[in-house]
Structures are given as structure tokens and as C-alpha cells.
């Protein structure tokens, strides 16, 4: 079975995804500064942090959907270009769309899962709240880093289009060599 998420990443993509990974690690490091929490402390922190995490998930969903529409605009500009673009450009845009869609779906799942009224449940053991707190903070760090990676990938694609279409650069790596003649 062929995987739909087969990634042959370019240097631009790798740098963008490394940027997202670094951002996720920095954001996630904050949870380790909290130290060990008791179940009661974690329950109180969950109550205070969930509105912010839910807002973050909503923002990521909105941003991801907006990025998908921006990719359509990018494709329109690409196809209208006088230069003949290499297949690599379209694969780059497709990778951005795949990763962005994954981030969209994960943000929706996290949002829906964290909307369960877990702090009001009486049958949840007190020591689970620490785990739930760390998982929710970890997921928000991963989602934030993933969105940063997608935005950096989109930035690279937009910069390439500006150089090719707007500035008329004819020796860009995404243009077929016969276009230079």
C-alpha cells in the first residue's frame, strides 16, 4: 500500500520543519519548569489553561484552513507564470497542503478531546490530572510547532514565487533550464 504521506523533503522544507520542531521544544520546555504537580494542583492548572489551549486550537484550525486557500492562490499564480516551473515546485506545494491538513485535523481532534469536562468528573482518579495536564501542554506545543513549520514552508514557497514572477529571476532552481535561453 502506497503511503499518501511520503515526504521527499527539500532543504527549504527541512529547515522549515526544523524551525517548527525547535519552536515545539521551546514551548514544551515550559512544562518541565513546572516540576512535579500533585493531582489537585494539576486539576487547578487544567481549569486555568484549558481556555487558552482551546483558543490556540481554534486559531490553528483557522490558520490551517486559511493556508489551504492561500495555497490555491499560489497555484493560480504559479500556473499563470510565464516561466515553466519544475515539478519540484508543485510537489513542494503538495507537501505543504498535506502537512497543513494533518495539522488541521489534529487541532480539531485535540480541541474536541480537551472540551470534555474532565475536571468536573468525579470518577477520574486524582493522580490522572497530572498526566492530563502534561499531555494537553505537550499537544499544544506540538501543534504550535507544526503550524510554525507549515508557515515557514509557505514562506519559502511565496519567496520563490516572488523571485520568479515578481522579480523575473530566470536562473531560479525551480525554473526549467531551457527557459533561460
N, C-alpha and C. Protein backbone atom coordinates (compact mmCIF):
# COMPACT_ATOMS: atom_id res chain seq x y z
N UNK A 1 0.84 -1.17 0.00
CA UNK A 1 0.00 0.00 0.00
C UNK A 1 0.89 1.25 0.00
N UNK A 2 0.61 2.16 -0.89
CA UNK A 2 1.40 3.37 -1.03
C UNK A 2 0.92 4.41 -0.02
N UNK A 3 1.87 4.98 0.72
CA UNK A 3 1.54 5.98 1.71
C UNK A 3 1.27 7.33 1.05
N UNK A 4 0.23 8.01 1.50
CA UNK A 4 -0.05 9.34 0.96
C UNK A 4 0.87 10.39 1.58
N UNK A 5 1.54 10.04 2.67
CA UNK A 5 2.42 10.99 3.34
C UNK A 5 3.88 10.61 3.14
N UNK A 6 4.25 10.34 1.92
CA UNK A 6 5.64 10.08 1.61
C UNK A 6 6.29 11.42 1.34
N UNK A 7 7.27 11.75 2.15
CA UNK A 7 7.90 13.06 2.04
C UNK A 7 9.33 12.93 1.56
N UNK A 8 9.62 13.55 0.44
CA UNK A 8 10.98 13.76 -0.01
C UNK A 8 11.23 15.24 0.21
N UNK A 9 11.81 15.56 1.34
CA UNK A 9 11.91 16.96 1.74
C UNK A 9 13.11 17.65 1.12
N UNK A 10 12.88 18.86 0.65
CA UNK A 10 13.96 19.70 0.15
C UNK A 10 14.64 20.36 1.33
N UNK A 11 15.75 21.03 1.06
CA UNK A 11 16.44 21.75 2.14
C UNK A 11 15.55 22.83 2.74
N UNK A 12 14.76 23.51 1.88
CA UNK A 12 13.84 24.53 2.39
C UNK A 12 12.83 23.91 3.35
N UNK A 13 12.28 22.76 2.98
CA UNK A 13 11.29 22.09 3.83
C UNK A 13 11.92 21.63 5.13
N UNK A 14 13.11 21.06 5.03
CA UNK A 14 13.78 20.57 6.24
C UNK A 14 14.04 21.72 7.21
N UNK A 15 14.53 22.84 6.68
CA UNK A 15 14.78 23.99 7.56
C UNK A 15 13.49 24.47 8.20
N UNK A 16 12.42 24.52 7.45
CA UNK A 16 11.14 24.97 7.98
C UNK A 16 10.64 24.02 9.07
N UNK A 17 10.75 22.72 8.81
CA UNK A 17 10.28 21.75 9.80
C UNK A 17 11.19 21.72 11.02
N UNK A 18 12.49 21.95 10.84
CA UNK A 18 13.39 22.06 11.99
C UNK A 18 13.03 23.28 12.82
N UNK A 19 12.67 24.37 12.14
CA UNK A 19 12.22 25.57 12.86
C UNK A 19 10.98 25.28 13.69
N UNK A 20 10.04 24.53 13.12
CA UNK A 20 8.84 24.14 13.86
C UNK A 20 9.16 23.22 15.03
N UNK A 21 10.09 22.30 14.81
CA UNK A 21 10.50 21.38 15.89
C UNK A 21 11.16 22.13 17.03
N UNK A 22 12.04 23.06 16.69
CA UNK A 22 12.70 23.86 17.73
C UNK A 22 11.67 24.68 18.50
N UNK A 23 10.72 25.26 17.79
CA UNK A 23 9.66 26.03 18.46
C UNK A 23 8.86 25.13 19.40
N UNK A 24 8.51 23.93 18.96
CA UNK A 24 7.75 23.00 19.80
C UNK A 24 8.55 22.62 21.05
N UNK A 25 9.85 22.42 20.89
CA UNK A 25 10.69 22.06 22.04
C UNK A 25 10.78 23.22 23.03
N UNK A 26 10.92 24.42 22.52
CA UNK A 26 10.99 25.59 23.41
C UNK A 26 9.67 25.78 24.15
N UNK A 27 8.57 25.68 23.42
CA UNK A 27 7.25 25.84 24.05
C UNK A 27 7.01 24.71 25.06
N UNK A 28 7.37 23.48 24.67
CA UNK A 28 7.17 22.34 25.55
C UNK A 28 8.08 22.34 26.77
N UNK A 29 9.23 23.00 26.67
CA UNK A 29 10.15 23.04 27.81
C UNK A 29 9.52 23.72 29.01
N UNK A 30 8.58 24.61 28.76
CA UNK A 30 7.91 25.29 29.87
C UNK A 30 7.24 24.34 30.82
N UNK A 31 6.73 23.22 30.31
CA UNK A 31 6.03 22.29 31.20
C UNK A 31 7.00 21.59 32.16
N UNK A 32 8.26 21.47 31.75
CA UNK A 32 9.22 20.83 32.64
C UNK A 32 9.66 21.77 33.77
N UNK A 33 9.52 23.07 33.54
CA UNK A 33 9.84 24.02 34.59
C UNK A 33 8.79 24.02 35.69
N UNK A 34 7.64 23.45 35.41
CA UNK A 34 6.59 23.37 36.42
C UNK A 34 6.94 22.36 37.50
N UNK A 35 7.79 21.41 37.17
CA UNK A 35 8.14 20.37 38.14
C UNK A 35 7.02 19.37 38.29
N UNK A 36 7.11 18.53 39.31
CA UNK A 36 6.06 17.55 39.58
C UNK A 36 4.88 18.24 40.25
N UNK A 37 3.71 17.91 39.76
CA UNK A 37 2.50 18.50 40.30
C UNK A 37 1.68 17.45 41.02
N UNK A 38 1.02 17.85 42.08
CA UNK A 38 0.08 16.94 42.71
C UNK A 38 -1.18 16.91 41.84
N UNK A 39 -2.03 15.96 42.09
CA UNK A 39 -3.27 15.85 41.33
C UNK A 39 -4.14 17.09 41.46
N UNK A 40 -4.21 17.64 42.68
CA UNK A 40 -5.04 18.82 42.89
C UNK A 40 -4.47 20.03 42.15
N UNK A 41 -3.14 20.23 42.24
CA UNK A 41 -2.50 21.35 41.53
C UNK A 41 -2.72 21.22 40.03
N UNK A 42 -2.55 20.01 39.52
CA UNK A 42 -2.74 19.78 38.08
C UNK A 42 -4.18 20.06 37.67
N UNK A 43 -5.13 19.66 38.52
CA UNK A 43 -6.54 19.90 38.22
C UNK A 43 -6.81 21.40 38.13
N UNK A 44 -6.25 22.16 39.03
CA UNK A 44 -6.43 23.62 39.01
C UNK A 44 -5.74 24.23 37.79
N UNK A 45 -4.56 23.73 37.43
CA UNK A 45 -3.87 24.24 36.25
C UNK A 45 -4.63 23.89 34.97
N UNK A 46 -5.23 22.71 34.94
CA UNK A 46 -6.04 22.33 33.77
C UNK A 46 -7.21 23.31 33.63
N UNK A 47 -7.87 23.60 34.74
CA UNK A 47 -9.00 24.53 34.70
C UNK A 47 -8.58 25.90 34.16
N UNK A 48 -7.40 26.34 34.55
CA UNK A 48 -6.97 27.68 34.11
C UNK A 48 -6.34 27.68 32.71
N UNK A 49 -5.77 26.56 32.28
CA UNK A 49 -5.08 26.54 30.98
C UNK A 49 -5.97 26.09 29.82
N UNK A 50 -7.04 25.37 30.10
CA UNK A 50 -7.88 24.86 29.01
C UNK A 50 -8.50 25.95 28.13
N UNK A 51 -8.97 27.04 28.67
CA UNK A 51 -9.49 28.08 27.76
C UNK A 51 -8.43 28.58 26.78
N UNK A 52 -7.21 28.74 27.25
CA UNK A 52 -6.13 29.18 26.37
C UNK A 52 -5.77 28.13 25.33
N UNK A 53 -5.75 26.87 25.73
CA UNK A 53 -5.43 25.79 24.79
C UNK A 53 -6.54 25.65 23.76
N UNK A 54 -7.79 25.80 24.20
CA UNK A 54 -8.90 25.74 23.25
C UNK A 54 -8.83 26.90 22.24
N UNK A 55 -8.47 28.07 22.72
CA UNK A 55 -8.30 29.22 21.81
C UNK A 55 -7.16 28.95 20.84
N UNK A 56 -6.08 28.38 21.33
CA UNK A 56 -4.95 28.02 20.47
C UNK A 56 -5.39 27.04 19.39
N UNK A 57 -6.13 26.01 19.77
CA UNK A 57 -6.61 25.02 18.79
C UNK A 57 -7.51 25.68 17.75
N UNK A 58 -8.39 26.56 18.20
CA UNK A 58 -9.26 27.28 17.26
C UNK A 58 -8.44 28.12 16.29
N UNK A 59 -7.43 28.78 16.80
CA UNK A 59 -6.56 29.61 15.97
C UNK A 59 -5.80 28.76 14.96
N UNK A 60 -5.31 27.61 15.38
CA UNK A 60 -4.58 26.72 14.48
C UNK A 60 -5.51 26.18 13.40
N UNK A 61 -6.72 25.83 13.76
CA UNK A 61 -7.69 25.35 12.76
C UNK A 61 -7.97 26.46 11.74
N UNK A 62 -8.21 27.65 12.21
CA UNK A 62 -8.47 28.77 11.31
C UNK A 62 -7.26 29.07 10.43
N UNK A 63 -6.09 29.10 11.02
CA UNK A 63 -4.87 29.36 10.25
C UNK A 63 -4.63 28.27 9.21
N UNK A 64 -4.84 27.03 9.57
CA UNK A 64 -4.63 25.92 8.63
C UNK A 64 -5.59 26.02 7.45
N UNK A 65 -6.84 26.32 7.72
CA UNK A 65 -7.81 26.47 6.64
C UNK A 65 -7.44 27.65 5.74
N UNK A 66 -6.98 28.72 6.33
CA UNK A 66 -6.56 29.89 5.56
C UNK A 66 -5.34 29.56 4.70
N UNK A 67 -4.41 28.82 5.24
CA UNK A 67 -3.22 28.43 4.49
C UNK A 67 -3.60 27.59 3.28
N UNK A 68 -4.58 26.71 3.43
CA UNK A 68 -5.02 25.91 2.28
C UNK A 68 -5.56 26.80 1.17
N UNK A 69 -6.30 27.84 1.52
CA UNK A 69 -6.81 28.74 0.49
C UNK A 69 -5.67 29.57 -0.12
N UNK A 70 -4.69 29.92 0.69
CA UNK A 70 -3.52 30.64 0.16
C UNK A 70 -2.75 29.77 -0.83
N UNK A 71 -2.73 28.47 -0.58
CA UNK A 71 -2.05 27.56 -1.50
C UNK A 71 -2.74 27.53 -2.86
N UNK A 72 -4.06 27.65 -2.86
CA UNK A 72 -4.78 27.73 -4.14
C UNK A 72 -4.39 29.00 -4.90
N UNK A 73 -4.26 30.10 -4.19
CA UNK A 73 -3.81 31.34 -4.81
C UNK A 73 -2.39 31.19 -5.35
N UNK A 74 -1.54 30.56 -4.57
CA UNK A 74 -0.16 30.32 -5.00
C UNK A 74 -0.13 29.47 -6.27
N UNK A 75 -0.98 28.45 -6.33
CA UNK A 75 -1.04 27.61 -7.53
C UNK A 75 -1.56 28.40 -8.73
N UNK A 76 -2.50 29.29 -8.50
CA UNK A 76 -3.01 30.13 -9.58
C UNK A 76 -1.91 31.03 -10.14
N UNK A 77 -1.14 31.62 -9.25
CA UNK A 77 -0.03 32.47 -9.69
C UNK A 77 1.02 31.63 -10.40
N UNK A 78 1.29 30.44 -9.88
CA UNK A 78 2.29 29.55 -10.48
C UNK A 78 1.90 29.17 -11.90
N UNK A 79 0.63 28.81 -12.09
CA UNK A 79 0.20 28.38 -13.42
C UNK A 79 0.12 29.54 -14.40
N UNK A 80 -0.07 30.76 -13.88
CA UNK A 80 -0.14 31.93 -14.74
C UNK A 80 1.22 32.53 -15.06
N UNK A 81 2.26 31.94 -14.50
CA UNK A 81 3.61 32.46 -14.70
C UNK A 81 4.09 32.21 -16.12
N UNK A 82 4.89 33.14 -16.66
CA UNK A 82 5.48 32.96 -17.98
C UNK A 82 6.56 31.89 -17.95
N UNK A 83 7.20 31.73 -16.82
CA UNK A 83 8.25 30.73 -16.67
C UNK A 83 7.64 29.35 -16.50
N UNK A 84 8.32 28.35 -17.01
CA UNK A 84 7.87 26.98 -16.85
C UNK A 84 8.50 26.41 -15.59
N UNK A 85 7.66 26.19 -14.59
CA UNK A 85 8.15 25.73 -13.29
C UNK A 85 8.37 24.23 -13.28
N UNK A 86 9.35 23.82 -12.52
CA UNK A 86 9.66 22.39 -12.38
C UNK A 86 8.60 21.71 -11.53
N UNK A 87 8.54 20.41 -11.67
CA UNK A 87 7.62 19.58 -10.89
C UNK A 87 7.89 19.73 -9.40
N UNK A 88 9.12 20.00 -9.04
CA UNK A 88 9.51 20.15 -7.63
C UNK A 88 8.68 21.23 -6.93
N UNK A 89 8.38 22.31 -7.65
CA UNK A 89 7.57 23.39 -7.06
C UNK A 89 6.18 22.87 -6.67
N UNK A 90 5.57 22.12 -7.56
CA UNK A 90 4.22 21.62 -7.28
C UNK A 90 4.23 20.56 -6.19
N UNK A 91 5.31 19.77 -6.14
CA UNK A 91 5.44 18.80 -5.05
C UNK A 91 5.63 19.51 -3.71
N UNK A 92 6.36 20.62 -3.75
CA UNK A 92 6.55 21.42 -2.54
C UNK A 92 5.21 21.93 -2.02
N UNK A 93 4.40 22.46 -2.92
CA UNK A 93 3.07 22.97 -2.54
C UNK A 93 2.20 21.82 -2.03
N UNK A 94 2.31 20.66 -2.66
CA UNK A 94 1.53 19.50 -2.23
C UNK A 94 1.95 19.05 -0.81
N UNK A 95 3.25 19.09 -0.51
CA UNK A 95 3.73 18.73 0.83
C UNK A 95 3.18 19.70 1.87
N UNK A 96 3.19 20.97 1.52
CA UNK A 96 2.65 21.97 2.46
C UNK A 96 1.18 21.65 2.72
N UNK A 97 0.43 21.36 1.67
CA UNK A 97 -1.00 21.05 1.83
C UNK A 97 -1.21 19.80 2.68
N UNK A 98 -0.38 18.77 2.48
CA UNK A 98 -0.52 17.54 3.25
C UNK A 98 -0.25 17.78 4.74
N UNK A 99 0.84 18.46 5.03
CA UNK A 99 1.19 18.71 6.42
C UNK A 99 0.17 19.65 7.06
N UNK A 100 -0.25 20.67 6.32
CA UNK A 100 -1.23 21.62 6.83
C UNK A 100 -2.56 20.93 7.14
N UNK A 101 -2.98 20.03 6.28
CA UNK A 101 -4.23 19.30 6.51
C UNK A 101 -4.11 18.41 7.74
N UNK A 102 -2.95 17.80 7.92
CA UNK A 102 -2.71 16.98 9.11
C UNK A 102 -2.79 17.83 10.37
N UNK A 103 -2.18 19.01 10.34
CA UNK A 103 -2.24 19.92 11.49
C UNK A 103 -3.68 20.33 11.76
N UNK A 104 -4.43 20.62 10.70
CA UNK A 104 -5.84 20.99 10.83
C UNK A 104 -6.62 19.89 11.56
N UNK A 105 -6.48 18.66 11.09
CA UNK A 105 -7.23 17.54 11.67
C UNK A 105 -6.81 17.30 13.12
N UNK A 106 -5.51 17.32 13.39
CA UNK A 106 -5.04 17.09 14.76
C UNK A 106 -5.53 18.20 15.71
N UNK A 107 -5.52 19.44 15.23
CA UNK A 107 -6.01 20.54 16.07
C UNK A 107 -7.49 20.37 16.39
N UNK A 108 -8.26 19.92 15.41
CA UNK A 108 -9.69 19.67 15.67
C UNK A 108 -9.88 18.54 16.68
N UNK A 109 -9.10 17.48 16.54
CA UNK A 109 -9.22 16.34 17.47
C UNK A 109 -8.83 16.77 18.89
N UNK A 110 -7.71 17.50 19.01
CA UNK A 110 -7.28 17.97 20.33
C UNK A 110 -8.33 18.90 20.92
N UNK A 111 -8.85 19.80 20.12
CA UNK A 111 -9.88 20.74 20.59
C UNK A 111 -11.09 19.97 21.13
N UNK A 112 -11.58 19.01 20.36
CA UNK A 112 -12.76 18.25 20.79
C UNK A 112 -12.47 17.41 22.03
N UNK A 113 -11.29 16.82 22.08
CA UNK A 113 -10.94 15.99 23.23
C UNK A 113 -10.81 16.82 24.50
N UNK A 114 -10.18 17.98 24.38
CA UNK A 114 -9.98 18.81 25.57
C UNK A 114 -11.24 19.56 25.99
N UNK A 115 -12.28 19.49 25.20
CA UNK A 115 -13.55 20.10 25.60
C UNK A 115 -14.39 19.18 26.48
N UNK A 116 -13.91 17.97 26.69
CA UNK A 116 -14.60 17.09 27.63
C UNK A 116 -14.46 17.68 29.03
N UNK A 117 -15.52 17.71 29.84
CA UNK A 117 -15.44 18.32 31.17
C UNK A 117 -14.73 17.41 32.18
N UNK A 118 -13.47 17.15 31.93
CA UNK A 118 -12.72 16.18 32.74
C UNK A 118 -12.55 16.65 34.19
N UNK A 119 -12.44 17.96 34.42
CA UNK A 119 -12.23 18.44 35.79
C UNK A 119 -13.51 18.36 36.64
N UNK A 120 -14.64 18.17 36.01
CA UNK A 120 -15.90 18.05 36.74
C UNK A 120 -16.29 16.59 37.01
N UNK A 121 -15.54 15.67 36.41
CA UNK A 121 -15.86 14.24 36.59
C UNK A 121 -15.42 13.78 37.97
N UNK A 122 -16.29 13.01 38.61
CA UNK A 122 -15.99 12.51 39.96
C UNK A 122 -15.24 11.19 39.96
N UNK A 123 -15.32 10.46 38.84
CA UNK A 123 -14.73 9.12 38.82
C UNK A 123 -13.31 9.10 38.24
N UNK A 124 -12.71 10.25 38.00
CA UNK A 124 -11.34 10.31 37.48
C UNK A 124 -10.39 10.33 38.68
N UNK A 125 -9.46 9.37 38.73
CA UNK A 125 -8.50 9.36 39.86
C UNK A 125 -7.69 10.66 39.89
N UNK A 126 -7.41 11.13 41.10
CA UNK A 126 -6.71 12.41 41.29
C UNK A 126 -5.34 12.44 40.62
N UNK A 127 -4.64 11.31 40.60
CA UNK A 127 -3.29 11.31 40.02
C UNK A 127 -3.31 11.37 38.48
N UNK A 128 -4.44 11.18 37.85
CA UNK A 128 -4.53 11.28 36.39
C UNK A 128 -4.45 12.72 35.91
N UNK A 129 -4.80 13.66 36.76
CA UNK A 129 -4.83 15.05 36.34
C UNK A 129 -3.44 15.56 35.96
N UNK A 130 -2.42 15.07 36.64
CA UNK A 130 -1.05 15.45 36.26
C UNK A 130 -0.74 14.99 34.85
N UNK A 131 -1.10 13.76 34.53
CA UNK A 131 -0.86 13.21 33.20
C UNK A 131 -1.66 13.99 32.15
N UNK A 132 -2.91 14.25 32.46
CA UNK A 132 -3.77 15.00 31.53
C UNK A 132 -3.21 16.40 31.29
N UNK A 133 -2.72 17.03 32.35
CA UNK A 133 -2.15 18.37 32.21
C UNK A 133 -0.92 18.34 31.30
N UNK A 134 0.00 17.43 31.57
CA UNK A 134 1.23 17.37 30.76
C UNK A 134 0.93 17.00 29.30
N UNK A 135 -0.02 16.10 29.09
CA UNK A 135 -0.39 15.73 27.72
C UNK A 135 -1.00 16.92 26.99
N UNK A 136 -1.87 17.66 27.67
CA UNK A 136 -2.50 18.82 27.00
C UNK A 136 -1.47 19.89 26.66
N UNK A 137 -0.54 20.15 27.55
CA UNK A 137 0.51 21.13 27.28
C UNK A 137 1.43 20.62 26.17
N UNK A 138 1.76 19.34 26.21
CA UNK A 138 2.61 18.75 25.16
C UNK A 138 1.95 18.82 23.79
N UNK A 139 0.66 18.50 23.73
CA UNK A 139 -0.06 18.57 22.45
C UNK A 139 -0.14 20.00 21.92
N UNK A 140 -0.33 20.96 22.81
CA UNK A 140 -0.38 22.34 22.34
C UNK A 140 0.99 22.78 21.83
N UNK A 141 2.07 22.32 22.44
CA UNK A 141 3.41 22.65 21.95
C UNK A 141 3.66 22.02 20.59
N UNK A 142 3.24 20.78 20.40
CA UNK A 142 3.42 20.09 19.11
C UNK A 142 2.61 20.79 18.02
N UNK A 143 1.36 21.11 18.32
CA UNK A 143 0.53 21.80 17.33
C UNK A 143 1.10 23.17 16.97
N UNK A 144 1.58 23.90 17.97
CA UNK A 144 2.17 25.21 17.71
C UNK A 144 3.41 25.08 16.83
N UNK A 145 4.27 24.14 17.15
CA UNK A 145 5.47 23.92 16.35
C UNK A 145 5.14 23.48 14.94
N UNK A 146 4.12 22.64 14.80
CA UNK A 146 3.72 22.17 13.47
C UNK A 146 3.20 23.32 12.62
N UNK A 147 2.41 24.20 13.23
CA UNK A 147 1.91 25.35 12.47
C UNK A 147 3.05 26.29 12.09
N UNK A 148 3.99 26.49 12.97
CA UNK A 148 5.16 27.31 12.65
C UNK A 148 5.92 26.70 11.48
N UNK A 149 6.09 25.39 11.48
CA UNK A 149 6.75 24.71 10.36
C UNK A 149 6.01 24.91 9.05
N UNK A 150 4.69 24.80 9.08
CA UNK A 150 3.88 24.98 7.86
C UNK A 150 4.01 26.42 7.36
N UNK A 151 3.96 27.38 8.27
CA UNK A 151 4.08 28.78 7.87
C UNK A 151 5.45 29.05 7.27
N UNK A 152 6.50 28.47 7.83
CA UNK A 152 7.84 28.64 7.26
C UNK A 152 7.94 28.00 5.87
N UNK A 153 7.30 26.86 5.68
CA UNK A 153 7.29 26.22 4.36
C UNK A 153 6.54 27.09 3.35
N UNK A 154 5.41 27.65 3.77
CA UNK A 154 4.65 28.55 2.91
C UNK A 154 5.46 29.79 2.58
N UNK A 155 6.17 30.30 3.55
CA UNK A 155 7.02 31.47 3.34
C UNK A 155 8.05 31.17 2.24
N UNK A 156 8.70 30.01 2.31
CA UNK A 156 9.68 29.64 1.29
C UNK A 156 9.04 29.58 -0.10
N UNK A 157 7.84 29.02 -0.19
CA UNK A 157 7.16 28.93 -1.49
C UNK A 157 6.79 30.31 -2.02
N UNK A 158 6.33 31.18 -1.15
CA UNK A 158 5.94 32.53 -1.56
C UNK A 158 7.18 33.32 -2.01
N UNK A 159 8.27 33.20 -1.28
CA UNK A 159 9.50 33.90 -1.65
C UNK A 159 9.98 33.43 -3.02
N UNK A 160 9.89 32.14 -3.29
CA UNK A 160 10.28 31.62 -4.61
C UNK A 160 9.40 32.22 -5.71
N UNK A 161 8.10 32.30 -5.46
CA UNK A 161 7.20 32.87 -6.47
C UNK A 161 7.46 34.36 -6.68
N UNK A 162 7.78 35.07 -5.61
CA UNK A 162 8.11 36.49 -5.75
C UNK A 162 9.36 36.66 -6.62
N UNK A 163 10.36 35.82 -6.38
CA UNK A 163 11.59 35.90 -7.16
C UNK A 163 11.34 35.57 -8.63
N UNK A 164 10.52 34.55 -8.88
CA UNK A 164 10.28 34.10 -10.26
C UNK A 164 9.31 35.02 -10.99
N UNK A 165 8.15 35.25 -10.39
CA UNK A 165 7.08 36.00 -11.08
C UNK A 165 7.27 37.51 -10.92
N UNK A 166 7.48 37.94 -9.69
CA UNK A 166 7.55 39.37 -9.43
C UNK A 166 8.85 40.02 -9.86
N UNK A 167 9.96 39.35 -9.57
CA UNK A 167 11.26 39.94 -9.89
C UNK A 167 11.84 39.43 -11.21
N UNK A 168 11.17 38.46 -11.83
CA UNK A 168 11.60 37.96 -13.13
C UNK A 168 12.93 37.22 -13.12
N UNK A 169 13.27 36.63 -11.99
CA UNK A 169 14.53 35.89 -11.89
C UNK A 169 14.45 34.66 -12.79
N UNK A 170 15.38 34.55 -13.74
CA UNK A 170 15.31 33.44 -14.70
C UNK A 170 16.27 32.30 -14.37
N UNK A 171 17.11 32.47 -13.37
CA UNK A 171 18.05 31.41 -13.02
C UNK A 171 17.68 30.74 -11.69
N UNK A 172 16.41 30.79 -11.34
CA UNK A 172 15.93 30.18 -10.09
C UNK A 172 15.94 28.66 -10.24
N UNK A 173 16.26 27.92 -9.17
CA UNK A 173 16.31 26.45 -9.24
C UNK A 173 14.97 25.80 -9.57
N UNK A 174 13.86 26.50 -9.45
CA UNK A 174 12.55 25.91 -9.75
C UNK A 174 12.12 26.13 -11.20
N UNK A 175 12.92 26.83 -11.99
CA UNK A 175 12.59 27.07 -13.39
C UNK A 175 13.37 26.07 -14.25
N UNK A 176 12.68 25.53 -15.26
CA UNK A 176 13.36 24.62 -16.18
C UNK A 176 14.50 25.35 -16.86
N UNK A 177 15.65 24.69 -17.05
CA UNK A 177 16.84 25.34 -17.63
C UNK A 177 16.61 25.89 -19.03
N UNK A 178 15.75 25.26 -19.83
CA UNK A 178 15.54 25.75 -21.21
C UNK A 178 14.88 27.12 -21.22
N UNK A 179 14.30 27.52 -20.10
CA UNK A 179 13.67 28.85 -20.02
C UNK A 179 14.72 29.97 -20.02
N UNK A 180 15.94 29.62 -19.62
CA UNK A 180 16.98 30.63 -19.54
C UNK A 180 17.43 31.08 -20.90
N UNK A 181 17.25 30.28 -21.95
CA UNK A 181 17.77 30.62 -23.27
C UNK A 181 16.97 31.68 -23.97
